[in-house]
Protein backbone atom coordinates (compact mmCIF):
# COMPACT_ATOMS: atom_id res chain seq x y z
CA MET A 1 -97.30 12.66 -124.99
CA PRO A 2 -99.05 9.26 -125.06
CA GLY A 3 -97.15 6.84 -126.03
CA LYS A 4 -94.15 7.71 -125.19
CA ASN A 5 -91.65 7.75 -122.88
CA ILE A 6 -89.09 10.05 -121.64
CA HIS A 7 -86.35 7.53 -123.06
CA GLU A 8 -87.55 7.74 -126.43
CA LEU A 9 -87.40 11.39 -125.92
CA TYR A 10 -83.88 11.08 -125.34
CA ASP A 11 -83.05 8.59 -128.48
CA GLN A 12 -84.86 11.32 -130.70
CA SER A 13 -82.77 14.46 -129.26
CA ARG A 14 -79.84 12.28 -130.07
CA ARG A 15 -80.33 11.07 -133.60
CA ALA A 16 -81.30 14.83 -134.18
CA ALA A 17 -77.58 16.12 -132.42
CA MET A 18 -76.10 13.23 -134.72
CA TRP A 19 -77.81 14.51 -137.77
CA GLY A 20 -76.78 18.14 -136.87
CA VAL A 21 -72.88 17.00 -136.27
CA ALA A 22 -72.89 15.13 -139.89
CA VAL A 23 -74.48 17.96 -141.99
CA THR A 24 -72.27 20.97 -140.02
CA LEU A 25 -69.15 19.09 -139.85
CA SER A 26 -69.65 18.92 -143.31
CA LEU A 27 -70.60 21.85 -144.39
CA GLY A 28 -67.45 23.20 -142.21
CA ILE A 29 -64.78 21.70 -143.67
CA ALA A 30 -65.99 22.83 -147.25
CA LYS A 31 -66.38 26.21 -146.20
CA LEU A 32 -62.83 26.11 -144.57
CA LEU A 33 -61.36 24.47 -148.17
CA GLY A 34 -63.14 26.66 -150.57
CA GLY A 35 -62.56 29.98 -148.64
CA LEU A 36 -58.66 28.82 -148.46
CA PHE A 37 -58.77 27.91 -152.04
CA GLY A 38 -61.26 30.00 -153.20
CA HIS A 39 -59.91 33.15 -152.01
CA SER A 40 -62.95 34.45 -149.34
CA LEU A 41 -62.72 35.52 -145.93
CA ALA A 42 -66.60 35.79 -145.92
CA LEU A 43 -66.45 31.87 -146.30
CA LEU A 44 -63.53 30.98 -144.46
CA SER A 45 -65.71 32.50 -141.54
CA ASP A 46 -68.44 30.99 -142.05
CA SER A 47 -66.61 27.52 -141.89
CA VAL A 48 -65.97 28.78 -137.98
CA HIS A 49 -69.22 29.18 -137.55
CA SER A 50 -70.02 25.92 -138.38
CA LEU A 51 -67.17 23.83 -136.90
CA GLY A 52 -68.50 25.42 -134.28
CA ASP A 53 -71.92 23.99 -134.78
CA ALA A 54 -70.30 20.55 -135.26
CA LEU A 55 -68.79 21.23 -131.83
CA ALA A 56 -72.00 22.21 -129.95
CA ALA A 57 -74.07 19.19 -131.48
CA GLY A 58 -70.92 16.88 -130.72
CA SER A 59 -71.24 18.27 -127.22
CA VAL A 60 -74.89 17.64 -127.29
CA VAL A 61 -74.41 13.79 -128.11
CA GLY A 62 -72.53 13.31 -125.23
CA ALA A 63 -73.96 15.64 -122.80
CA LEU A 64 -77.62 13.86 -124.00
CA LEU A 65 -75.90 10.04 -123.02
CA TRP A 66 -74.23 11.64 -120.16
CA ALA A 67 -77.65 13.00 -118.77
CA GLN A 68 -79.05 9.34 -119.18
CA GLN A 69 -76.33 7.88 -115.95
CA PRO A 70 -78.38 6.87 -113.25
CA ALA A 71 -78.35 8.99 -110.23
CA ASP A 72 -75.34 7.76 -107.60
CA GLN A 73 -74.05 8.61 -104.00
CA GLU A 74 -72.17 11.86 -105.42
CA HIS A 75 -75.11 13.24 -108.07
CA PRO A 76 -78.23 11.99 -106.08
CA TYR A 77 -80.60 14.03 -108.54
CA GLY A 78 -78.58 12.90 -111.43
CA HIS A 79 -76.88 13.94 -114.46
CA THR A 80 -79.46 16.22 -116.75
CA ARG A 81 -77.58 19.05 -116.00
CA ALA A 82 -74.91 17.76 -118.04
CA GLU A 83 -76.72 19.43 -120.97
CA ALA A 84 -76.57 22.76 -120.17
CA VAL A 85 -73.34 22.76 -119.07
CA ALA A 86 -71.80 21.07 -122.58
CA GLY A 87 -74.37 24.12 -124.05
CA ALA A 88 -72.66 27.24 -121.92
CA SER A 89 -69.14 25.72 -122.90
CA VAL A 90 -69.62 25.82 -126.22
CA ALA A 91 -71.87 28.76 -126.46
CA LEU A 92 -68.59 30.52 -125.04
CA LEU A 93 -66.58 29.02 -127.44
CA LEU A 94 -68.64 30.65 -130.24
CA PHE A 95 -68.96 33.57 -128.79
CA LEU A 96 -65.15 34.13 -128.19
CA SER A 97 -64.96 32.51 -132.43
CA GLY A 98 -66.99 35.23 -133.46
CA LEU A 99 -65.00 38.30 -131.82
CA TRP A 100 -62.15 36.73 -133.74
CA VAL A 101 -64.00 36.92 -136.90
CA GLY A 102 -65.15 40.01 -136.87
CA TRP A 103 -61.25 41.67 -136.15
CA GLU A 104 -59.91 39.89 -138.95
CA ALA A 105 -62.43 41.05 -141.43
CA LEU A 106 -61.89 44.52 -139.58
CA HIS A 107 -58.12 44.43 -139.70
CA GLY A 108 -57.87 43.39 -143.23
CA PHE A 109 -60.49 45.64 -144.54
CA ASN A 110 -58.84 47.79 -147.20
CA GLN A 111 -56.61 45.84 -147.91
CA PRO A 112 -56.47 44.81 -151.44
CA ALA A 113 -58.30 41.15 -151.99
CA GLU A 114 -58.29 38.69 -155.07
CA GLN A 115 -61.51 38.11 -156.64
CA PRO A 116 -63.27 34.89 -155.39
CA GLU A 117 -63.91 31.48 -156.89
CA TRP A 118 -67.62 30.79 -158.65
CA TYR A 119 -66.95 27.40 -156.70
CA THR A 120 -67.48 29.63 -153.38
CA LEU A 121 -71.30 30.51 -154.17
CA VAL A 122 -72.13 27.15 -155.01
CA ILE A 123 -70.79 26.12 -150.82
CA ALA A 124 -72.57 29.59 -149.68
CA ALA A 125 -75.79 27.99 -151.50
CA VAL A 126 -75.69 24.52 -150.49
CA SER A 127 -75.08 25.90 -147.26
CA VAL A 128 -78.21 27.44 -147.01
CA LEU A 129 -80.55 25.16 -148.32
CA LEU A 130 -79.08 22.38 -146.34
CA ASN A 131 -79.02 24.36 -142.66
CA GLU A 132 -82.67 25.99 -143.48
CA ALA A 133 -83.46 22.13 -143.87
CA LEU A 134 -81.53 21.53 -140.98
CA TYR A 135 -83.22 23.63 -139.06
CA GLN A 136 -86.68 22.95 -139.90
CA TYR A 137 -85.84 19.31 -138.83
CA SER A 138 -84.37 19.79 -135.34
CA SER A 139 -86.74 22.65 -134.66
CA ARG A 140 -89.45 19.71 -135.00
CA VAL A 141 -87.69 17.46 -132.34
CA ALA A 142 -87.02 20.22 -129.47
CA ARG A 143 -90.40 21.16 -129.73
CA ARG A 144 -91.53 17.53 -129.02
CA THR A 145 -88.50 16.74 -126.75
CA GLY A 146 -88.44 19.90 -125.01
CA SER A 147 -84.75 20.04 -125.55
CA SER A 148 -83.52 23.26 -124.63
CA ALA A 149 -79.94 22.27 -125.51
CA VAL A 150 -81.51 21.00 -129.26
CA LEU A 151 -83.97 24.03 -129.85
CA ALA A 152 -80.45 25.84 -129.36
CA ALA A 153 -78.77 24.20 -131.88
CA SER A 154 -81.52 24.41 -134.47
CA TRP A 155 -81.58 28.38 -134.34
CA ASP A 156 -78.15 28.11 -134.65
CA GLN A 157 -78.63 26.54 -137.62
CA ARG A 158 -81.29 28.68 -138.77
CA LEU A 159 -78.27 31.60 -137.83
CA ASP A 160 -75.95 29.71 -139.82
CA ALA A 161 -78.06 29.84 -142.71
CA PHE A 162 -78.91 33.61 -142.73
CA GLY A 163 -74.85 34.23 -142.08
CA SER A 164 -74.23 31.86 -145.31
CA LEU A 165 -76.98 34.18 -147.42
CA ALA A 166 -75.13 36.62 -146.20
CA VAL A 167 -71.56 35.11 -147.28
CA LEU A 168 -73.77 34.29 -150.53
CA VAL A 169 -74.67 37.94 -151.72
CA GLY A 170 -71.08 39.16 -150.82
CA LEU A 171 -69.49 36.48 -153.10
CA ALA A 172 -71.90 37.12 -155.63
CA LEU A 173 -71.30 40.65 -155.85
CA ALA A 174 -67.23 40.32 -155.18
CA HIS A 175 -67.70 38.03 -157.97
CA PHE A 176 -69.44 39.59 -160.66
CA GLY A 177 -69.13 42.95 -159.36
CA GLY A 178 -65.45 43.32 -159.81
CA PRO A 179 -62.72 45.70 -158.06
CA THR A 180 -65.54 48.24 -156.84
CA PHE A 181 -67.06 45.77 -155.17
CA GLN A 182 -64.26 43.68 -153.28
CA ALA A 183 -65.07 44.78 -149.86
CA ALA A 184 -68.02 42.88 -150.05
CA ASP A 185 -66.70 39.48 -149.11
CA ARG A 186 -65.12 41.44 -146.02
CA LEU A 187 -68.89 42.90 -145.06
CA ALA A 188 -70.23 39.57 -145.45
CA ALA A 189 -67.42 38.46 -142.92
CA LEU A 190 -68.57 40.96 -140.81
CA VAL A 191 -72.21 40.39 -140.47
CA VAL A 192 -71.03 36.27 -140.20
CA ALA A 193 -69.04 37.72 -136.94
CA VAL A 194 -71.95 39.18 -135.37
CA VAL A 195 -74.55 36.88 -136.34
CA ILE A 196 -71.78 34.07 -134.66
CA THR A 197 -71.17 36.42 -131.60
CA TRP A 198 -75.14 36.85 -131.17
CA ALA A 199 -75.44 33.12 -130.93
CA GLY A 200 -73.05 32.18 -128.69
CA GLY A 201 -74.35 34.97 -126.55
CA SER A 202 -77.80 34.13 -126.77
CA LEU A 203 -76.90 30.04 -125.94
CA PHE A 204 -74.75 30.90 -123.29
CA TRP A 205 -77.22 32.98 -120.98
CA ARG A 206 -80.13 30.23 -122.08
CA SER A 207 -77.49 27.85 -119.84
CA VAL A 208 -76.97 29.51 -117.10
CA GLN A 209 -80.43 30.43 -116.65
CA GLU A 210 -81.10 26.89 -116.67
CA LEU A 211 -77.92 26.37 -114.37
CA MET A 212 -79.07 28.62 -112.08
CA ASP A 213 -82.69 26.82 -111.51
CA ARG A 214 -84.73 29.46 -113.18
CA GLN A 215 -88.67 28.53 -112.67
CA ALA A 216 -89.50 26.88 -115.88
CA GLU A 217 -91.78 27.69 -118.68
CA PRO A 218 -95.82 28.64 -117.27
CA GLU A 219 -97.06 25.88 -119.43
CA ILE A 220 -95.13 23.18 -117.32
CA VAL A 221 -95.44 24.94 -114.10
CA GLU A 222 -99.49 25.27 -114.57
CA ALA A 223 -99.85 21.60 -115.81
CA VAL A 224 -98.20 21.17 -112.49
CA ARG A 225 -100.54 22.80 -110.27
CA ARG A 226 -103.59 21.24 -112.33
CA GLU A 227 -102.70 17.66 -111.55
CA ALA A 228 -101.95 18.10 -108.09
CA LEU A 229 -105.07 19.94 -107.42
CA ALA A 230 -107.20 17.19 -109.32
CA VAL A 231 -105.87 14.51 -106.81
CA ALA A 232 -108.66 13.77 -104.14
CA GLY A 233 -107.73 15.79 -100.50
CA VAL A 234 -105.64 18.77 -102.17
CA THR A 235 -107.42 22.05 -101.31
CA GLY A 236 -104.73 23.95 -102.30
CA VAL A 237 -101.01 24.85 -103.50
CA GLU A 238 -98.97 26.89 -101.40
CA LYS A 239 -96.02 26.85 -103.16
CA LEU A 240 -94.86 26.00 -106.07
CA ARG A 241 -90.91 25.32 -108.00
CA VAL A 242 -90.28 23.38 -110.86
CA ARG A 243 -86.72 23.16 -112.32
CA LYS A 244 -85.69 21.96 -115.48
CA THR A 245 -82.92 20.17 -115.61
CA GLY A 246 -81.78 18.33 -119.18
CA LEU A 247 -84.96 17.13 -121.32
CA GLU A 248 -86.73 16.29 -117.18
CA HIS A 249 -88.00 18.77 -114.50
CA LEU A 250 -87.79 18.45 -111.07
CA VAL A 251 -90.42 19.65 -108.34
CA ASP A 252 -91.26 21.28 -105.07
CA ILE A 253 -94.96 21.34 -103.85
CA HIS A 254 -96.32 22.39 -100.67
CA VAL A 255 -100.19 21.04 -100.96
CA GLU A 256 -102.55 21.94 -98.44
CA VAL A 257 -105.06 19.11 -96.63
CA ASP A 258 -107.80 18.99 -94.03
CA PRO A 259 -105.77 19.93 -90.77
CA GLU A 260 -108.01 17.13 -88.78
CA ILE A 261 -106.90 14.57 -90.69
CA THR A 262 -103.99 12.41 -88.95
CA VAL A 263 -100.26 11.82 -90.14
CA ARG A 264 -100.72 8.92 -92.37
CA GLU A 265 -103.72 10.14 -94.49
CA GLY A 266 -102.13 13.46 -95.30
CA HIS A 267 -98.80 11.14 -96.23
CA ALA A 268 -101.06 9.14 -98.60
CA ILE A 269 -102.12 12.15 -100.17
CA GLY A 270 -98.83 13.33 -100.41
CA HIS A 271 -97.99 10.00 -102.03
CA ALA A 272 -100.81 10.66 -104.35
CA VAL A 273 -99.60 13.67 -105.68
CA LYS A 274 -96.20 12.93 -106.48
CA ASP A 275 -97.86 9.88 -108.30
CA ARG A 276 -100.20 11.94 -110.10
CA ILE A 277 -97.77 14.64 -111.55
CA VAL A 278 -95.24 11.93 -112.85
CA ALA A 279 -97.42 9.57 -114.38
CA GLN A 280 -99.37 12.12 -116.02
CA ILE A 281 -96.27 15.35 -117.11
CA LEU A 282 -93.94 12.89 -119.04
CA THR A 283 -90.86 15.10 -118.36
CA VAL A 284 -91.00 15.21 -114.93
CA LYS A 285 -88.22 13.38 -113.44
CA ASP A 286 -89.30 13.55 -109.25
CA VAL A 287 -91.24 15.46 -106.69
CA LEU A 288 -91.02 16.13 -103.52
CA VAL A 289 -94.26 16.78 -101.81
CA HIS A 290 -95.05 18.90 -98.75
CA ILE A 291 -97.93 18.96 -96.83
CA GLU A 292 -99.37 22.05 -95.47
CA PRO A 293 -102.69 22.38 -93.06
CA ALA A 294 -105.14 24.21 -94.75
CA GLU A 295 -107.32 27.23 -93.72
CA ALA A 296 -110.07 26.86 -92.06
CA GLY A 297 -113.56 26.71 -93.47
CA LEU A 298 -111.95 25.23 -97.07
CA THR A 299 -113.27 22.10 -98.61
CA PRO A 300 -111.11 19.20 -100.21
CA VAL A 301 -110.89 19.50 -103.84
CA GLN A 302 -112.57 16.63 -106.03
CA PRO A 303 -110.26 14.36 -108.51
CA SER A 304 -110.96 15.25 -111.93
CA GLY A 305 -110.40 11.92 -113.62
């Protein structure tokens, strides 16, 4: 990512999250009021999703600020895991909210309901448009920055758009169809419950995987390997582990060198490997290099540039 630094990536991610807070909080309040006064359980249920999205986005903003705090004695690797912790916490809340919405929809399924007011359709339609626009913006930022939290939030926004679309259809049937379609509103609420539960479960799983030090994406791993092999004196890469932590990555790499060189020469090669990887791959925060003796008969790889 030429011309950028890691602070710019954090700034971009934080701006996307702040837009998420503003839009989803506004929609959540509008849906909550519309559902209460407009007699729509589906819209009321969808407000839970939007308010959950606002909480998630707010947590991402806080986590990104916390993640940029410098390392200290108690946190020698820094505070970048705050992003994943925030994501897992909000995901669990979303999951439980989805179960509650589903129970409410099923509990009163056969009970008579009032016809939804016309303005509930307007709120649902606006929600579809705004959430889709927010998804397009947030997903572009997430791809540029590599933020798993922003990416998860962006997909949650798209799911919210789909949920609002289901609500819009249900409201239209309940409003214009009369008593025959009075159950459409609760069916739409059930759809929203499934969407919220699925989104919460998926986000929780992704966050837990990051906290468990899952190997990074193949593209990052191969980029690290390629840069290490481009250093003069490196004959191979024996082991390579890359952990994602917030927007950044931590690398543990074992490189093979000529077994006949001095300790000082091997040490210099190790530093060169670290410096090249950090310089060429923006998201790599730190590299731990271990020097291994190469097998006999191998010749050093010449640098590629």
